[in-house]
Amino acid sequence: MDWDDLHSFLAIARSRSLSGAARALGVRQSTMSRRLAALESRAGARLLQRTSRGYELTVVGEAVLGNAERMEAEAIAIERLVQGRDVALSGTVRITTVENMAEILLPVAVSKLHERYPGITIDVLSDPRSLNLSRREADIAIRMARFEGNELVSRRMAVAGSMLYASQAYLRKNGAPMTDHGSHAIVTVLDDQDHMPEPRWLIEKVPGARIAFRSNDRGAQAGAVRAGLGLGCLPCIIADQMPELTCLTDAGPAPSREVWLGVHTDLRHMPRIRAVIDALDAAFAEMRQALAGTATG
């Protein structure tokens, strides 16, 4: 069987759609459909069944899945081994991280990197999902939580602080929530993230407040608070750069987050990966106080 066909089978099984699988592998949807048809023709059996919920594994597909995943793991291991010995200080490095790191810290790091190594291209994957380093979905990850897995090397880079913020116009109209217990509005996350420590802390600080605006994008939240829509628990690295916002220090600091960097052990000594990590080290050192926040630092 052709590995490209098996690779496509895995992508469809994971995304449950031809379009999603095509995006994941960077090919046309028609190519994805053709590969699936070729694989099933060679196998003499249907591996994926199209349903109203998307593509689902058949009984034969479930039996094939484990073997295909082991083949994928071996193919990726070979790729890492070869690339780990690549001594070129040029090429592409893929970094996955959250929005505020992608928007604020990474441009600083890449600017430092290109002072010495302009041939290295950085692909930034700002994705709410935790992309898999073992599957080479990314080369380096910057996350707001500790990494798990024996194949990864990780270390803590900084602590990111959050505080309660409001626009000056909002405070003039509604009063400070710590001294005025009138009706307040808040800017917070969507339901799928309301279990996180920051939104739970916000509800405790402003009990009974109505929800005016919800987004999982911290930049969008900061924009809503700046527009006077309500109070928000915002990352200091974003909010402290907005002069229209006031940090409500009486509320105390919100739960802080550790910022971790991770890389697969097979890639950590590759020269261009090492160069990017060094540039990230320098950027974190420069911005460590800003990440913590002046109110919490």
Protein backbone atom coordinates (compact mmCIF):
# COMPACT_ATOMS: atom_id res chain seq x y z
CA MET A 1 0.00 0.00 0.00
CA ASP A 2 1.14 3.54 -0.78
CA TRP A 3 2.13 5.51 2.32
CA ASP A 4 0.50 8.70 0.98
CA ASP A 5 -2.81 6.82 0.79
CA LEU A 6 -2.45 5.53 4.37
CA HIS A 7 -1.45 9.00 5.54
CA SER A 8 -4.60 10.38 3.95
CA PHE A 9 -6.68 7.66 5.60
CA LEU A 10 -5.33 8.73 9.02
CA ALA A 11 -6.02 12.40 8.31
CA ILE A 12 -9.63 11.69 7.30
CA ALA A 13 -10.18 9.43 10.31
CA ARG A 14 -8.96 12.22 12.61
CA SER A 15 -10.74 15.17 11.03
CA ARG A 16 -13.80 13.16 9.89
CA SER A 17 -13.98 15.21 6.69
CA LEU A 18 -12.20 15.36 3.35
CA SER A 19 -11.84 19.13 3.54
CA GLY A 20 -10.31 19.06 7.04
CA ALA A 21 -7.92 16.27 6.07
CA ALA A 22 -6.91 18.13 2.91
CA ARG A 23 -6.09 21.26 4.94
CA ALA A 24 -4.07 19.21 7.43
CA LEU A 25 -1.93 17.67 4.68
CA GLY A 26 -1.85 20.71 2.40
CA VAL A 27 -3.41 19.02 -0.63
CA ARG A 28 -6.60 19.44 -2.66
CA GLN A 29 -9.81 17.83 -1.47
CA SER A 30 -10.01 15.97 -4.80
CA THR A 31 -6.56 14.50 -4.12
CA MET A 32 -7.72 13.35 -0.71
CA SER A 33 -10.80 11.67 -2.19
CA ARG A 34 -8.70 9.98 -4.89
CA ARG A 35 -6.20 8.62 -2.34
CA LEU A 36 -8.98 7.18 -0.17
CA ALA A 37 -10.56 5.50 -3.19
CA ALA A 38 -7.18 4.05 -4.24
CA LEU A 39 -6.50 2.69 -0.77
CA GLU A 40 -9.91 1.07 -0.46
CA SER A 41 -9.54 -0.40 -3.96
CA ARG A 42 -6.20 -1.99 -3.05
CA ALA A 43 -7.54 -3.20 0.29
CA GLY A 44 -10.67 -4.61 -1.30
CA ALA A 45 -12.77 -3.22 1.56
CA ARG A 46 -14.36 0.02 2.71
CA LEU A 47 -12.35 1.63 5.52
CA LEU A 48 -14.37 4.81 6.10
CA GLN A 49 -18.10 5.27 5.88
CA ARG A 50 -19.61 8.67 5.12
CA THR A 51 -22.41 9.53 7.56
CA SER A 52 -24.39 12.62 8.56
CA ARG A 53 -21.74 13.25 11.25
CA GLY A 54 -18.84 12.95 8.83
CA TYR A 55 -16.55 10.04 7.97
CA GLU A 56 -16.49 7.21 10.50
CA LEU A 57 -14.34 4.08 10.66
CA THR A 58 -15.81 0.80 9.48
CA VAL A 59 -14.94 -2.44 11.28
CA VAL A 60 -12.10 -3.01 8.80
CA GLY A 61 -10.99 0.62 9.20
CA GLU A 62 -10.75 0.20 12.96
CA ALA A 63 -8.55 -2.86 12.45
CA VAL A 64 -6.28 -0.96 10.04
CA LEU A 65 -6.04 2.20 12.18
CA GLY A 66 -3.54 0.91 14.75
CA ASN A 67 -1.15 -0.41 12.12
CA ALA A 68 -1.36 2.82 10.15
CA GLU A 69 -0.61 4.87 13.27
CA ARG A 70 2.47 2.73 13.97
CA MET A 71 3.65 3.27 10.40
CA GLU A 72 3.12 7.01 10.85
CA ALA A 73 5.12 7.01 14.09
CA GLU A 74 8.03 5.25 12.38
CA ALA A 75 7.91 7.61 9.38
CA ILE A 76 7.96 10.64 11.67
CA ALA A 77 10.82 9.15 13.71
CA ILE A 78 12.88 8.78 10.51
CA GLU A 79 12.06 12.36 9.54
CA ARG A 80 13.12 13.65 12.97
CA LEU A 81 16.33 11.63 12.85
CA VAL A 82 17.27 13.05 9.45
CA GLN A 83 16.26 16.60 10.28
CA GLY A 84 17.96 16.42 13.66
CA ARG A 85 21.26 16.13 11.78
CA ASP A 86 20.46 19.03 9.45
CA VAL A 87 23.21 21.57 10.13
CA ALA A 88 21.81 24.35 7.94
CA LEU A 89 21.01 27.64 9.66
CA SER A 90 18.19 28.25 7.21
CA GLY A 91 14.82 26.76 6.47
CA THR A 92 11.46 26.78 8.24
CA VAL A 93 10.71 26.35 11.95
CA ARG A 94 7.09 25.96 13.03
CA ILE A 95 6.07 27.39 16.41
CA THR A 96 2.68 26.82 17.99
CA THR A 97 1.48 29.11 20.78
CA VAL A 98 -1.47 31.14 22.07
CA GLU A 99 -2.60 34.41 20.50
CA ASN A 100 -1.01 36.91 22.88
CA MET A 101 2.40 35.22 22.65
CA ALA A 102 2.09 35.09 18.86
CA GLU A 103 1.16 38.78 18.67
CA ILE A 104 3.52 40.28 21.25
CA LEU A 105 6.48 38.03 22.09
CA LEU A 106 7.21 36.20 18.84
CA PRO A 107 7.80 39.33 16.70
CA VAL A 108 10.44 40.41 19.24
CA ALA A 109 12.07 36.97 19.14
CA VAL A 110 12.05 36.73 15.32
CA SER A 111 13.54 40.22 15.04
CA LYS A 112 16.45 39.10 17.24
CA LEU A 113 16.77 35.86 15.28
CA HIS A 114 16.99 37.60 11.91
CA GLU A 115 19.78 39.87 13.08
CA ARG A 116 22.01 36.77 12.80
CA TYR A 117 20.06 34.22 10.75
CA PRO A 118 17.81 35.89 8.14
CA GLY A 119 17.52 32.59 6.25
CA ILE A 120 15.31 31.02 8.94
CA THR A 121 11.59 31.38 8.27
CA ILE A 122 9.18 31.19 11.19
CA ASP A 123 5.72 29.71 10.69
CA VAL A 124 3.48 30.73 13.62
CA LEU A 125 0.55 28.43 14.37
CA SER A 126 -1.75 30.30 16.72
CA ASP A 127 -4.16 27.46 17.41
CA PRO A 128 -6.40 26.83 20.42
CA ARG A 129 -5.62 23.12 20.09
CA SER A 130 -2.40 21.74 21.56
CA LEU A 131 -0.59 20.65 18.41
CA ASN A 132 1.35 17.40 18.70
CA LEU A 133 5.14 17.79 18.65
CA SER A 134 5.68 14.04 18.32
CA ARG A 135 3.69 14.02 15.08
CA ARG A 136 5.66 17.03 13.77
CA GLU A 137 2.55 19.22 13.72
CA ALA A 138 4.96 21.85 15.06
CA ASP A 139 8.68 22.01 15.91
CA ILE A 140 8.47 24.19 19.04
CA ALA A 141 5.52 24.82 21.33
CA ILE A 142 4.99 27.64 23.83
CA ARG A 143 2.14 26.75 26.18
CA MET A 144 0.56 28.08 29.33
CA ALA A 145 0.90 24.72 31.09
CA ARG A 146 3.54 22.09 31.78
CA PHE A 147 4.26 19.58 29.02
CA GLU A 148 3.74 15.84 29.35
CA GLY A 149 5.54 13.07 27.49
CA ASN A 150 8.96 11.42 27.76
CA GLU A 151 9.87 12.36 24.17
CA LEU A 152 9.69 16.10 24.90
CA VAL A 153 12.21 18.43 26.51
CA SER A 154 10.60 21.42 28.22
CA ARG A 155 11.36 24.21 30.66
CA ARG A 156 9.58 27.11 32.28
CA MET A 157 10.22 30.43 30.57
CA ALA A 158 8.19 32.96 32.58
CA VAL A 159 5.11 33.60 34.68
CA ALA A 160 2.23 35.43 32.99
CA GLY A 161 0.14 37.60 35.30
CA SER A 162 -3.45 38.76 34.93
CA MET A 163 -5.37 41.50 36.72
CA LEU A 164 -8.80 43.09 36.75
CA TYR A 165 -9.06 45.98 34.28
CA ALA A 166 -11.68 48.53 33.24
CA SER A 167 -11.73 51.52 30.96
CA GLN A 168 -11.66 54.95 32.56
CA ALA A 169 -15.00 55.76 30.88
CA TYR A 170 -16.56 52.62 32.37
CA LEU A 171 -15.37 53.51 35.88
CA ARG A 172 -16.70 57.06 35.61
CA LYS A 173 -20.10 55.68 34.66
CA ASN A 174 -20.33 52.64 36.95
CA GLY A 175 -17.90 53.18 39.82
CA ALA A 176 -15.19 50.86 41.06
CA PRO A 177 -16.47 47.33 41.72
CA MET A 178 -14.42 46.95 44.90
CA THR A 179 -16.12 49.94 46.56
CA ASP A 180 -19.40 50.25 44.66
CA HIS A 181 -21.46 47.06 44.68
CA GLY A 182 -23.92 48.24 42.08
CA SER A 183 -24.69 46.47 38.86
CA HIS A 184 -21.60 45.70 36.77
CA ALA A 185 -20.92 44.03 33.44
CA ILE A 186 -18.03 41.72 32.62
CA VAL A 187 -16.07 40.63 29.57
CA THR A 188 -15.16 36.95 29.75
CA VAL A 189 -14.60 33.69 27.85
CA LEU A 190 -16.99 31.40 26.01
CA ASP A 191 -18.54 28.41 27.75
CA ASP A 192 -15.84 25.96 26.65
CA GLN A 193 -13.23 27.88 28.68
CA ASP A 194 -15.29 28.97 31.70
CA HIS A 195 -13.64 26.26 33.81
CA MET A 196 -10.28 28.05 33.61
CA PRO A 197 -8.95 29.87 36.70
CA GLU A 198 -9.16 33.45 35.35
CA PRO A 199 -12.89 33.50 34.46
CA ARG A 200 -13.73 31.72 37.72
CA TRP A 201 -11.73 34.35 39.64
CA LEU A 202 -13.55 37.12 37.75
CA ILE A 203 -16.96 35.77 38.79
CA GLU A 204 -15.81 35.62 42.42
CA LYS A 205 -14.63 39.23 42.32
CA VAL A 206 -17.76 40.62 40.67
CA PRO A 207 -20.59 38.31 41.76
CA GLY A 208 -23.90 38.83 40.03
CA ALA A 209 -22.44 40.85 37.14
CA ARG A 210 -24.10 40.49 33.77
CA ILE A 211 -22.06 39.15 30.87
CA ALA A 212 -21.68 41.80 28.19
CA PHE A 213 -19.15 40.19 25.83
CA ARG A 214 -17.58 36.75 25.44
CA SER A 215 -14.59 35.63 23.39
CA ASN A 216 -11.74 33.16 23.81
CA ASP A 217 -9.42 35.62 22.06
CA ARG A 218 -7.67 37.68 24.74
CA GLY A 219 -7.01 40.50 22.30
CA ALA A 220 -10.72 40.72 21.52
CA GLN A 221 -11.49 40.74 25.25
CA ALA A 222 -9.06 43.60 25.81
CA GLY A 223 -10.65 45.54 22.96
CA ALA A 224 -14.09 45.06 24.52
CA VAL A 225 -12.88 46.27 27.93
CA ARG A 226 -11.20 49.27 26.29
CA ALA A 227 -14.51 50.07 24.56
CA GLY A 228 -16.19 50.26 27.99
CA LEU A 229 -18.31 47.12 27.66
CA GLY A 230 -17.36 45.84 31.11
CA LEU A 231 -14.71 44.67 33.55
CA GLY A 232 -12.26 42.04 32.39
CA CYS A 233 -9.57 39.75 33.77
CA LEU A 234 -6.85 40.40 31.20
CA PRO A 235 -3.23 39.32 30.69
CA CYS A 236 -0.99 42.14 31.91
CA ILE A 237 1.19 41.84 28.81
CA ILE A 238 -1.81 43.02 26.74
CA ALA A 239 -3.71 45.35 29.06
CA ASP A 240 -0.72 47.28 30.42
CA GLN A 241 0.00 48.51 26.89
CA MET A 242 -3.42 50.18 26.65
CA PRO A 243 -3.39 53.62 28.32
CA GLU A 244 -7.20 53.75 28.28
CA LEU A 245 -7.35 50.89 30.80
CA THR A 246 -7.04 51.12 34.57
CA CYS A 247 -5.69 48.20 36.58
CA LEU A 248 -7.93 47.66 39.62
CA THR A 249 -5.24 46.66 42.08
CA ASP A 250 -7.71 46.50 44.99
CA ALA A 251 -9.00 43.24 43.49
CA GLY A 252 -5.57 41.67 43.89
CA PRO A 253 -3.81 39.53 41.28
CA ALA A 254 -5.72 36.88 39.36
CA PRO A 255 -4.28 33.36 39.17
CA SER A 256 -1.03 33.49 37.22
CA ARG A 257 0.05 31.09 34.49
CA GLU A 258 3.42 29.47 33.91
CA VAL A 259 4.74 29.77 30.36
CA TRP A 260 6.55 26.65 29.12
CA LEU A 261 8.60 25.95 26.01
CA GLY A 262 8.76 22.43 24.61
CA VAL A 263 10.62 20.71 21.77
CA HIS A 264 11.00 17.08 20.73
CA THR A 265 14.21 15.56 22.06
CA ASP A 266 15.28 14.47 18.54
CA LEU A 267 15.19 18.08 17.27
CA ARG A 268 16.55 20.12 20.15
CA HIS A 269 20.17 20.07 18.87
CA MET A 270 19.30 20.92 15.25
CA PRO A 271 21.13 24.23 14.60
CA ARG A 272 18.15 26.21 13.32
CA ILE A 273 15.93 24.93 16.17
CA ARG A 274 18.67 25.84 18.66
CA ALA A 275 18.98 29.30 17.09
CA VAL A 276 15.23 29.89 17.42
CA ILE A 277 15.22 28.73 21.05
CA ASP A 278 18.12 31.10 21.83
CA ALA A 279 16.15 33.98 20.28
CA LEU A 280 13.09 33.01 22.33
CA ASP A 281 15.24 32.94 25.48
CA ALA A 282 16.39 36.49 24.77
CA ALA A 283 12.84 37.70 24.08
CA PHE A 284 11.49 36.13 27.28
CA ALA A 285 14.31 37.69 29.30
CA GLU A 286 13.48 41.11 27.86
CA MET A 287 9.75 40.78 28.44
CA ARG A 288 9.62 38.79 31.68
CA GLN A 289 8.57 41.80 33.78
CA ALA A 290 5.94 42.85 31.24
CA LEU A 291 4.53 39.31 31.23
CA ALA A 292 4.27 39.30 35.01
CA GLY A 293 2.72 42.78 34.99
CA THR A 294 3.75 45.87 36.89
CA ALA A 295 0.93 45.37 39.38
CA THR A 296 2.01 41.81 40.22
CA GLY A 297 5.72 42.03 39.60
